[in-house]
Amino acid sequence: NTVTLQMNSLKPEDTAVYYCYADRRDIVDMDYWG
């Protein structure tokens, strides 16, 4: 039950808060944020 993001060759433009998101897609409003 994990998802990862491997980030290589980072640039200053990548600076941000990164959020995990889950979406059921077939059911409206069934989505979640970290």
ModelCIF file with pLDDT and N, C-alpha, C, O atoms, coordinates in Angstrom:
data_MODEL
#
_entry.id   MODEL 
#
_entity.id                         1 
_entity.type                       polymer 
_entity.pdbx_number_of_molecules   1 
#
_entity_poly.entity_id                      1 
_entity_poly.type                           'polypeptide(L)' 
_entity_poly.nstd_linkage                   no 
_entity_poly.nstd_monomer                   no 
_entity_poly.pdbx_seq_one_letter_code       NTVTLQMNSLKPEDTAVYYCYADRRDIVDMDYWG 
_entity_poly.pdbx_seq_one_letter_code_can   NTVTLQMNSLKPEDTAVYYCYADRRDIVDMDYWG 
_entity_poly.pdbx_strand_id                 A 
#
loop_
_entity_poly_seq.entity_id 
_entity_poly_seq.num 
_entity_poly_seq.mon_id 
_entity_poly_seq.hetero 
1 1  ASN n 
1 2  THR n 
1 3  VAL n 
1 4  THR n 
1 5  LEU n 
1 6  GLN n 
1 7  MET n 
1 8  ASN n 
1 9  SER n 
1 10 LEU n 
1 11 LYS n 
1 12 PRO n 
1 13 GLU n 
1 14 ASP n 
1 15 THR n 
1 16 ALA n 
1 17 VAL n 
1 18 TYR n 
1 19 TYR n 
1 20 CYS n 
1 21 TYR n 
1 22 ALA n 
1 23 ASP n 
1 24 ARG n 
1 25 ARG n 
1 26 ASP n 
1 27 ILE n 
1 28 VAL n 
1 29 ASP n 
1 30 MET n 
1 31 ASP n 
1 32 TYR n 
1 33 TRP n 
1 34 GLY n 
#
_struct_asym.id          A 
_struct_asym.entity_id   1 
#
loop_
_ma_qa_metric.id 
_ma_qa_metric.mode 
_ma_qa_metric.name 
_ma_qa_metric.software_group_id 
_ma_qa_metric.type 
1 global pLDDT . pLDDT 
2 local  pLDDT . pLDDT 
#
_ma_qa_metric_global.metric_id      1 
_ma_qa_metric_global.metric_value   96.29 
_ma_qa_metric_global.model_id       1 
_ma_qa_metric_global.ordinal_id     1 
#
loop_
_ma_qa_metric_local.label_asym_id 
_ma_qa_metric_local.label_comp_id 
_ma_qa_metric_local.label_seq_id 
_ma_qa_metric_local.metric_id 
_ma_qa_metric_local.metric_value 
_ma_qa_metric_local.model_id 
_ma_qa_metric_local.ordinal_id 
A ASN 1  2 97.00 1 1  
A THR 2  2 98.00 1 2  
A VAL 3  2 98.00 1 3  
A THR 4  2 98.00 1 4  
A LEU 5  2 98.00 1 5  
A GLN 6  2 98.00 1 6  
A MET 7  2 98.00 1 7  
A ASN 8  2 98.00 1 8  
A SER 9  2 98.00 1 9  
A LEU 10 2 98.00 1 10 
A LYS 11 2 98.00 1 11 
A PRO 12 2 98.00 1 12 
A GLU 13 2 97.00 1 13 
A ASP 14 2 98.00 1 14 
A THR 15 2 98.00 1 15 
A ALA 16 2 98.00 1 16 
A VAL 17 2 98.00 1 17 
A TYR 18 2 98.00 1 18 
A TYR 19 2 98.00 1 19 
A CYS 20 2 98.00 1 20 
A TYR 21 2 98.00 1 21 
A ALA 22 2 98.00 1 22 
A ASP 23 2 96.00 1 23 
A ARG 24 2 94.00 1 24 
A ARG 25 2 91.00 1 25 
A ASP 26 2 88.00 1 26 
A ILE 27 2 90.00 1 27 
A VAL 28 2 90.00 1 28 
A ASP 29 2 91.00 1 29 
A MET 30 2 92.00 1 30 
A ASP 31 2 95.00 1 31 
A TYR 32 2 97.00 1 32 
A TRP 33 2 98.00 1 33 
A GLY 34 2 98.00 1 34 
#
loop_
_atom_site.group_PDB 
_atom_site.id 
_atom_site.type_symbol 
_atom_site.label_atom_id 
_atom_site.label_alt_id 
_atom_site.label_comp_id 
_atom_site.label_asym_id 
_atom_site.label_entity_id 
_atom_site.label_seq_id 
_atom_site.pdbx_PDB_ins_code 
_atom_site.Cartn_x 
_atom_site.Cartn_y 
_atom_site.Cartn_z 
_atom_site.occupancy 
_atom_site.B_iso_or_equiv 
_atom_site.pdbx_formal_charge 
_atom_site.auth_seq_id 
_atom_site.auth_comp_id 
_atom_site.auth_asym_id 
_atom_site.auth_atom_id 
_atom_site.pdbx_PDB_model_num 
ATOM 1   N N  . ASN A 1 1  ? 0.825   -1.215 0.000   1.00 97.00 ? 1  ASN A N  1 
ATOM 2   C CA . ASN A 1 1  ? 0.000   0.000  0.000   1.00 97.00 ? 1  ASN A CA 1 
ATOM 3   C C  . ASN A 1 1  ? 0.859   1.264  0.000   1.00 97.00 ? 1  ASN A C  1 
ATOM 4   O O  . ASN A 1 1  ? 0.615   2.198  0.764   1.00 97.00 ? 1  ASN A O  1 
ATOM 5   N N  . THR A 1 2  ? 1.862   1.274  -0.867  1.00 98.00 ? 2  THR A N  1 
ATOM 6   C CA . THR A 1 2  ? 2.746   2.424  -0.953  1.00 98.00 ? 2  THR A CA 1 
ATOM 7   C C  . THR A 1 2  ? 2.925   2.877  -2.399  1.00 98.00 ? 2  THR A C  1 
ATOM 8   O O  . THR A 1 2  ? 2.831   2.085  -3.337  1.00 98.00 ? 2  THR A O  1 
ATOM 9   N N  . VAL A 1 3  ? 3.182   4.156  -2.548  1.00 98.00 ? 3  VAL A N  1 
ATOM 10  C CA . VAL A 1 3  ? 3.562   4.731  -3.825  1.00 98.00 ? 3  VAL A CA 1 
ATOM 11  C C  . VAL A 1 3  ? 4.795   5.589  -3.580  1.00 98.00 ? 3  VAL A C  1 
ATOM 12  O O  . VAL A 1 3  ? 4.887   6.277  -2.563  1.00 98.00 ? 3  VAL A O  1 
ATOM 13  N N  . THR A 1 4  ? 5.742   5.546  -4.514  1.00 98.00 ? 4  THR A N  1 
ATOM 14  C CA . THR A 1 4  ? 6.983   6.281  -4.343  1.00 98.00 ? 4  THR A CA 1 
ATOM 15  C C  . THR A 1 4  ? 7.234   7.198  -5.531  1.00 98.00 ? 4  THR A C  1 
ATOM 16  O O  . THR A 1 4  ? 6.698   6.995  -6.621  1.00 98.00 ? 4  THR A O  1 
ATOM 17  N N  . LEU A 1 5  ? 8.050   8.197  -5.299  1.00 98.00 ? 5  LEU A N  1 
ATOM 18  C CA . LEU A 1 5  ? 8.499   9.091  -6.360  1.00 98.00 ? 5  LEU A CA 1 
ATOM 19  C C  . LEU A 1 5  ? 10.007  9.234  -6.234  1.00 98.00 ? 5  LEU A C  1 
ATOM 20  O O  . LEU A 1 5  ? 10.501  9.894  -5.320  1.00 98.00 ? 5  LEU A O  1 
ATOM 21  N N  . GLN A 1 6  ? 10.732  8.614  -7.151  1.00 98.00 ? 6  GLN A N  1 
ATOM 22  C CA . GLN A 1 6  ? 12.175  8.746  -7.208  1.00 98.00 ? 6  GLN A CA 1 
ATOM 23  C C  . GLN A 1 6  ? 12.506  9.986  -8.021  1.00 98.00 ? 6  GLN A C  1 
ATOM 24  O O  . GLN A 1 6  ? 12.120  10.087 -9.186  1.00 98.00 ? 6  GLN A O  1 
ATOM 25  N N  . MET A 1 7  ? 13.214  10.924 -7.422  1.00 98.00 ? 7  MET A N  1 
ATOM 26  C CA . MET A 1 7  ? 13.519  12.196 -8.056  1.00 98.00 ? 7  MET A CA 1 
ATOM 27  C C  . MET A 1 7  ? 15.026  12.310 -8.228  1.00 98.00 ? 7  MET A C  1 
ATOM 28  O O  . MET A 1 7  ? 15.764  12.407 -7.247  1.00 98.00 ? 7  MET A O  1 
ATOM 29  N N  . ASN A 1 8  ? 15.477  12.299 -9.468  1.00 98.00 ? 8  ASN A N  1 
ATOM 30  C CA . ASN A 1 8  ? 16.887  12.431 -9.799  1.00 98.00 ? 8  ASN A CA 1 
ATOM 31  C C  . ASN A 1 8  ? 17.143  13.747 -10.513 1.00 98.00 ? 8  ASN A C  1 
ATOM 32  O O  . ASN A 1 8  ? 16.219  14.397 -11.001 1.00 98.00 ? 8  ASN A O  1 
ATOM 33  N N  . SER A 1 9  ? 18.409  14.128 -10.565 1.00 98.00 ? 9  SER A N  1 
ATOM 34  C CA . SER A 1 9  ? 18.812  15.353 -11.259 1.00 98.00 ? 9  SER A CA 1 
ATOM 35  C C  . SER A 1 9  ? 17.952  16.537 -10.847 1.00 98.00 ? 9  SER A C  1 
ATOM 36  O O  . SER A 1 9  ? 17.431  17.267 -11.690 1.00 98.00 ? 9  SER A O  1 
ATOM 37  N N  . LEU A 1 10 ? 17.812  16.713 -9.557  1.00 98.00 ? 10 LEU A N  1 
ATOM 38  C CA . LEU A 1 10 ? 16.936  17.756 -9.037  1.00 98.00 ? 10 LEU A CA 1 
ATOM 39  C C  . LEU A 1 10 ? 17.401  19.147 -9.441  1.00 98.00 ? 10 LEU A C  1 
ATOM 40  O O  . LEU A 1 10 ? 18.595  19.424 -9.555  1.00 98.00 ? 10 LEU A O  1 
ATOM 41  N N  . LYS A 1 11 ? 16.422  20.004 -9.652  1.00 98.00 ? 11 LYS A N  1 
ATOM 42  C CA . LYS A 1 11 ? 16.655  21.388 -10.019 1.00 98.00 ? 11 LYS A CA 1 
ATOM 43  C C  . LYS A 1 11 ? 16.009  22.303 -8.985  1.00 98.00 ? 11 LYS A C  1 
ATOM 44  O O  . LYS A 1 11 ? 15.052  21.899 -8.324  1.00 98.00 ? 11 LYS A O  1 
ATOM 45  N N  . PRO A 1 12 ? 16.513  23.527 -8.832  1.00 98.00 ? 12 PRO A N  1 
ATOM 46  C CA . PRO A 1 12 ? 15.873  24.457 -7.899  1.00 98.00 ? 12 PRO A CA 1 
ATOM 47  C C  . PRO A 1 12 ? 14.384  24.645 -8.182  1.00 98.00 ? 12 PRO A C  1 
ATOM 48  O O  . PRO A 1 12 ? 13.608  24.886 -7.258  1.00 98.00 ? 12 PRO A O  1 
ATOM 49  N N  . GLU A 1 13 ? 13.980  24.539 -9.433  1.00 97.00 ? 13 GLU A N  1 
ATOM 50  C CA . GLU A 1 13 ? 12.582  24.678 -9.808  1.00 97.00 ? 13 GLU A CA 1 
ATOM 51  C C  . GLU A 1 13 ? 11.704  23.554 -9.265  1.00 97.00 ? 13 GLU A C  1 
ATOM 52  O O  . GLU A 1 13 ? 10.479  23.665 -9.288  1.00 97.00 ? 13 GLU A O  1 
ATOM 53  N N  . ASP A 1 14 ? 12.310  22.479 -8.781  1.00 98.00 ? 14 ASP A N  1 
ATOM 54  C CA . ASP A 1 14 ? 11.561  21.381 -8.182  1.00 98.00 ? 14 ASP A CA 1 
ATOM 55  C C  . ASP A 1 14 ? 11.172  21.665 -6.734  1.00 98.00 ? 14 ASP A C  1 
ATOM 56  O O  . ASP A 1 14 ? 10.413  20.900 -6.139  1.00 98.00 ? 14 ASP A O  1 
ATOM 57  N N  . THR A 1 15 ? 11.673  22.737 -6.171  1.00 98.00 ? 15 THR A N  1 
ATOM 58  C CA . THR A 1 15 ? 11.354  23.080 -4.790  1.00 98.00 ? 15 THR A CA 1 
ATOM 59  C C  . THR A 1 15 ? 9.859   23.293 -4.623  1.00 98.00 ? 15 THR A C  1 
ATOM 60  O O  . THR A 1 15 ? 9.259   24.114 -5.316  1.00 98.00 ? 15 THR A O  1 
ATOM 61  N N  . ALA A 1 16 ? 9.263   22.550 -3.702  1.00 98.00 ? 16 ALA A N  1 
ATOM 62  C CA . ALA A 1 16 ? 7.819   22.610 -3.491  1.00 98.00 ? 16 ALA A CA 1 
ATOM 63  C C  . ALA A 1 16 ? 7.443   21.683 -2.342  1.00 98.00 ? 16 ALA A C  1 
ATOM 64  O O  . ALA A 1 16 ? 8.252   20.878 -1.879  1.00 98.00 ? 16 ALA A O  1 
ATOM 65  N N  . VAL A 1 17 ? 6.205   21.814 -1.897  1.00 98.00 ? 17 VAL A N  1 
ATOM 66  C CA . VAL A 1 17 ? 5.609   20.801 -1.043  1.00 98.00 ? 17 VAL A CA 1 
ATOM 67  C C  . VAL A 1 17 ? 5.002   19.744 -1.951  1.00 98.00 ? 17 VAL A C  1 
ATOM 68  O O  . VAL A 1 17 ? 4.219   20.062 -2.845  1.00 98.00 ? 17 VAL A O  1 
ATOM 69  N N  . TYR A 1 18 ? 5.358   18.503 -1.725  1.00 98.00 ? 18 TYR A N  1 
ATOM 70  C CA . TYR A 1 18 ? 4.880   17.395 -2.541  1.00 98.00 ? 18 TYR A CA 1 
ATOM 71  C C  . TYR A 1 18 ? 3.787   16.644 -1.798  1.00 98.00 ? 18 TYR A C  1 
ATOM 72  O O  . TYR A 1 18 ? 3.945   16.296 -0.628  1.00 98.00 ? 18 TYR A O  1 
ATOM 73  N N  . TYR A 1 19 ? 2.670   16.394 -2.489  1.00 98.00 ? 19 TYR A N  1 
ATOM 74  C CA . TYR A 1 19 ? 1.501   15.771 -1.892  1.00 98.00 ? 19 TYR A CA 1 
ATOM 75  C C  . TYR A 1 19 ? 1.170   14.446 -2.557  1.00 98.00 ? 19 TYR A C  1 
ATOM 76  O O  . TYR A 1 19 ? 1.193   14.331 -3.782  1.00 98.00 ? 19 TYR A O  1 
ATOM 77  N N  . CYS A 1 20 ? 0.867   13.468 -1.756  1.00 98.00 ? 20 CYS A N  1 
ATOM 78  C CA . CYS A 1 20 ? 0.353   12.197 -2.230  1.00 98.00 ? 20 CYS A CA 1 
ATOM 79  C C  . CYS A 1 20 ? -1.155  12.306 -2.424  1.00 98.00 ? 20 CYS A C  1 
ATOM 80  O O  . CYS A 1 20 ? -1.841  12.953 -1.632  1.00 98.00 ? 20 CYS A O  1 
ATOM 81  N N  . TYR A 1 21 ? -1.670  11.675 -3.471  1.00 98.00 ? 21 TYR A N  1 
ATOM 82  C CA . TYR A 1 21 ? -3.085  11.774 -3.822  1.00 98.00 ? 21 TYR A CA 1 
ATOM 83  C C  . TYR A 1 21 ? -3.609  10.420 -4.280  1.00 98.00 ? 21 TYR A C  1 
ATOM 84  O O  . TYR A 1 21 ? -2.948  9.717  -5.045  1.00 98.00 ? 21 TYR A O  1 
ATOM 85  N N  . ALA A 1 22 ? -4.788  10.061 -3.814  1.00 98.00 ? 22 ALA A N  1 
ATOM 86  C CA . ALA A 1 22 ? -5.444  8.818  -4.200  1.00 98.00 ? 22 ALA A CA 1 
ATOM 87  C C  . ALA A 1 22 ? -6.830  9.128  -4.744  1.00 98.00 ? 22 ALA A C  1 
ATOM 88  O O  . ALA A 1 22 ? -7.574  9.907  -4.149  1.00 98.00 ? 22 ALA A O  1 
ATOM 89  N N  . ASP A 1 23 ? -7.179  8.516  -5.879  1.00 96.00 ? 23 ASP A N  1 
ATOM 90  C CA . ASP A 1 23 ? -8.448  8.805  -6.553  1.00 96.00 ? 23 ASP A CA 1 
ATOM 91  C C  . ASP A 1 23 ? -9.102  7.513  -7.020  1.00 96.00 ? 23 ASP A C  1 
ATOM 92  O O  . ASP A 1 23 ? -8.515  6.764  -7.801  1.00 96.00 ? 23 ASP A O  1 
ATOM 93  N N  . ARG A 1 24 ? -10.309 7.250  -6.547  1.00 94.00 ? 24 ARG A N  1 
ATOM 94  C CA . ARG A 1 24 ? -11.071 6.087  -6.986  1.00 94.00 ? 24 ARG A CA 1 
ATOM 95  C C  . ARG A 1 24 ? -11.512 6.209  -8.440  1.00 94.00 ? 24 ARG A C  1 
ATOM 96  O O  . ARG A 1 24 ? -11.718 5.196  -9.110  1.00 94.00 ? 24 ARG A O  1 
ATOM 97  N N  . ARG A 1 25 ? -11.654 7.414  -8.926  1.00 91.00 ? 25 ARG A N  1 
ATOM 98  C CA . ARG A 1 25 ? -11.990 7.759  -10.312 1.00 91.00 ? 25 ARG A CA 1 
ATOM 99  C C  . ARG A 1 25 ? -13.434 7.453  -10.694 1.00 91.00 ? 25 ARG A C  1 
ATOM 100 O O  . ARG A 1 25 ? -14.126 8.336  -11.201 1.00 91.00 ? 25 ARG A O  1 
ATOM 101 N N  . ASP A 1 26 ? -13.905 6.239  -10.468 1.00 88.00 ? 26 ASP A N  1 
ATOM 102 C CA . ASP A 1 26 ? -15.254 5.850  -10.875 1.00 88.00 ? 26 ASP A CA 1 
ATOM 103 C C  . ASP A 1 26 ? -16.323 6.236  -9.859  1.00 88.00 ? 26 ASP A C  1 
ATOM 104 O O  . ASP A 1 26 ? -17.511 6.021  -10.103 1.00 88.00 ? 26 ASP A O  1 
ATOM 105 N N  . ILE A 1 27 ? -15.922 6.795  -8.740  1.00 90.00 ? 27 ILE A N  1 
ATOM 106 C CA . ILE A 1 27 ? -16.865 7.291  -7.747  1.00 90.00 ? 27 ILE A CA 1 
ATOM 107 C C  . ILE A 1 27 ? -16.534 8.749  -7.453  1.00 90.00 ? 27 ILE A C  1 
ATOM 108 O O  . ILE A 1 27 ? -15.446 9.062  -6.970  1.00 90.00 ? 27 ILE A O  1 
ATOM 109 N N  . VAL A 1 28 ? -17.471 9.627  -7.743  1.00 90.00 ? 28 VAL A N  1 
ATOM 110 C CA . VAL A 1 28 ? -17.239 11.058 -7.585  1.00 90.00 ? 28 VAL A CA 1 
ATOM 111 C C  . VAL A 1 28 ? -16.962 11.396 -6.120  1.00 90.00 ? 28 VAL A C  1 
ATOM 112 O O  . VAL A 1 28 ? -17.643 10.910 -5.217  1.00 90.00 ? 28 VAL A O  1 
ATOM 113 N N  . ASP A 1 29 ? -15.964 12.227 -5.908  1.00 91.00 ? 29 ASP A N  1 
ATOM 114 C CA . ASP A 1 29 ? -15.579 12.742 -4.600  1.00 91.00 ? 29 ASP A CA 1 
ATOM 115 C C  . ASP A 1 29 ? -14.927 11.714 -3.693  1.00 91.00 ? 29 ASP A C  1 
ATOM 116 O O  . ASP A 1 29 ? -14.712 11.983 -2.511  1.00 91.00 ? 29 ASP A O  1 
ATOM 117 N N  . MET A 1 30 ? -14.613 10.553 -4.222  1.00 92.00 ? 30 MET A N  1 
ATOM 118 C CA . MET A 1 30 ? -13.873 9.589  -3.428  1.00 92.00 ? 30 MET A CA 1 
ATOM 119 C C  . MET A 1 30 ? -12.383 9.734  -3.764  1.00 92.00 ? 30 MET A C  1 
ATOM 120 O O  . MET A 1 30 ? -11.810 8.939  -4.508  1.00 92.00 ? 30 MET A O  1 
ATOM 121 N N  . ASP A 1 31 ? -11.784 10.775 -3.188  1.00 95.00 ? 31 ASP A N  1 
ATOM 122 C CA . ASP A 1 31 ? -10.372 11.048 -3.384  1.00 95.00 ? 31 ASP A CA 1 
ATOM 123 C C  . ASP A 1 31 ? -9.792  11.628 -2.101  1.00 95.00 ? 31 ASP A C  1 
ATOM 124 O O  . ASP A 1 31 ? -10.507 12.212 -1.286  1.00 95.00 ? 31 ASP A O  1 
ATOM 125 N N  . TYR A 1 32 ? -8.486  11.458 -1.937  1.00 97.00 ? 32 TYR A N  1 
ATOM 126 C CA . TYR A 1 32 ? -7.853  11.782 -0.661  1.00 97.00 ? 32 TYR A CA 1 
ATOM 127 C C  . TYR A 1 32 ? -6.477  12.397 -0.879  1.00 97.00 ? 32 TYR A C  1 
ATOM 128 O O  . TYR A 1 32 ? -5.785  12.090 -1.851  1.00 97.00 ? 32 TYR A O  1 
ATOM 129 N N  . TRP A 1 33 ? -6.098  13.270 0.046   1.00 98.00 ? 33 TRP A N  1 
ATOM 130 C CA . TRP A 1 33 ? -4.815  13.962 0.008   1.00 98.00 ? 33 TRP A CA 1 
ATOM 131 C C  . TRP A 1 33 ? -4.011  13.689 1.266   1.00 98.00 ? 33 TRP A C  1 
ATOM 132 O O  . TRP A 1 33 ? -4.564  13.575 2.360   1.00 98.00 ? 33 TRP A O  1 
ATOM 133 N N  . GLY A 1 34 ? -2.694  13.586 1.097   1.00 98.00 ? 34 GLY A N  1 
ATOM 134 C CA . GLY A 1 34 ? -1.802  13.599 2.231   1.00 98.00 ? 34 GLY A CA 1 
ATOM 135 C C  . GLY A 1 34 ? -1.529  15.021 2.676   1.00 98.00 ? 34 GLY A C  1 
ATOM 136 O O  . GLY A 1 34 ? -0.786  15.236 3.634   1.00 98.00 ? 34 GLY A O  1 
#
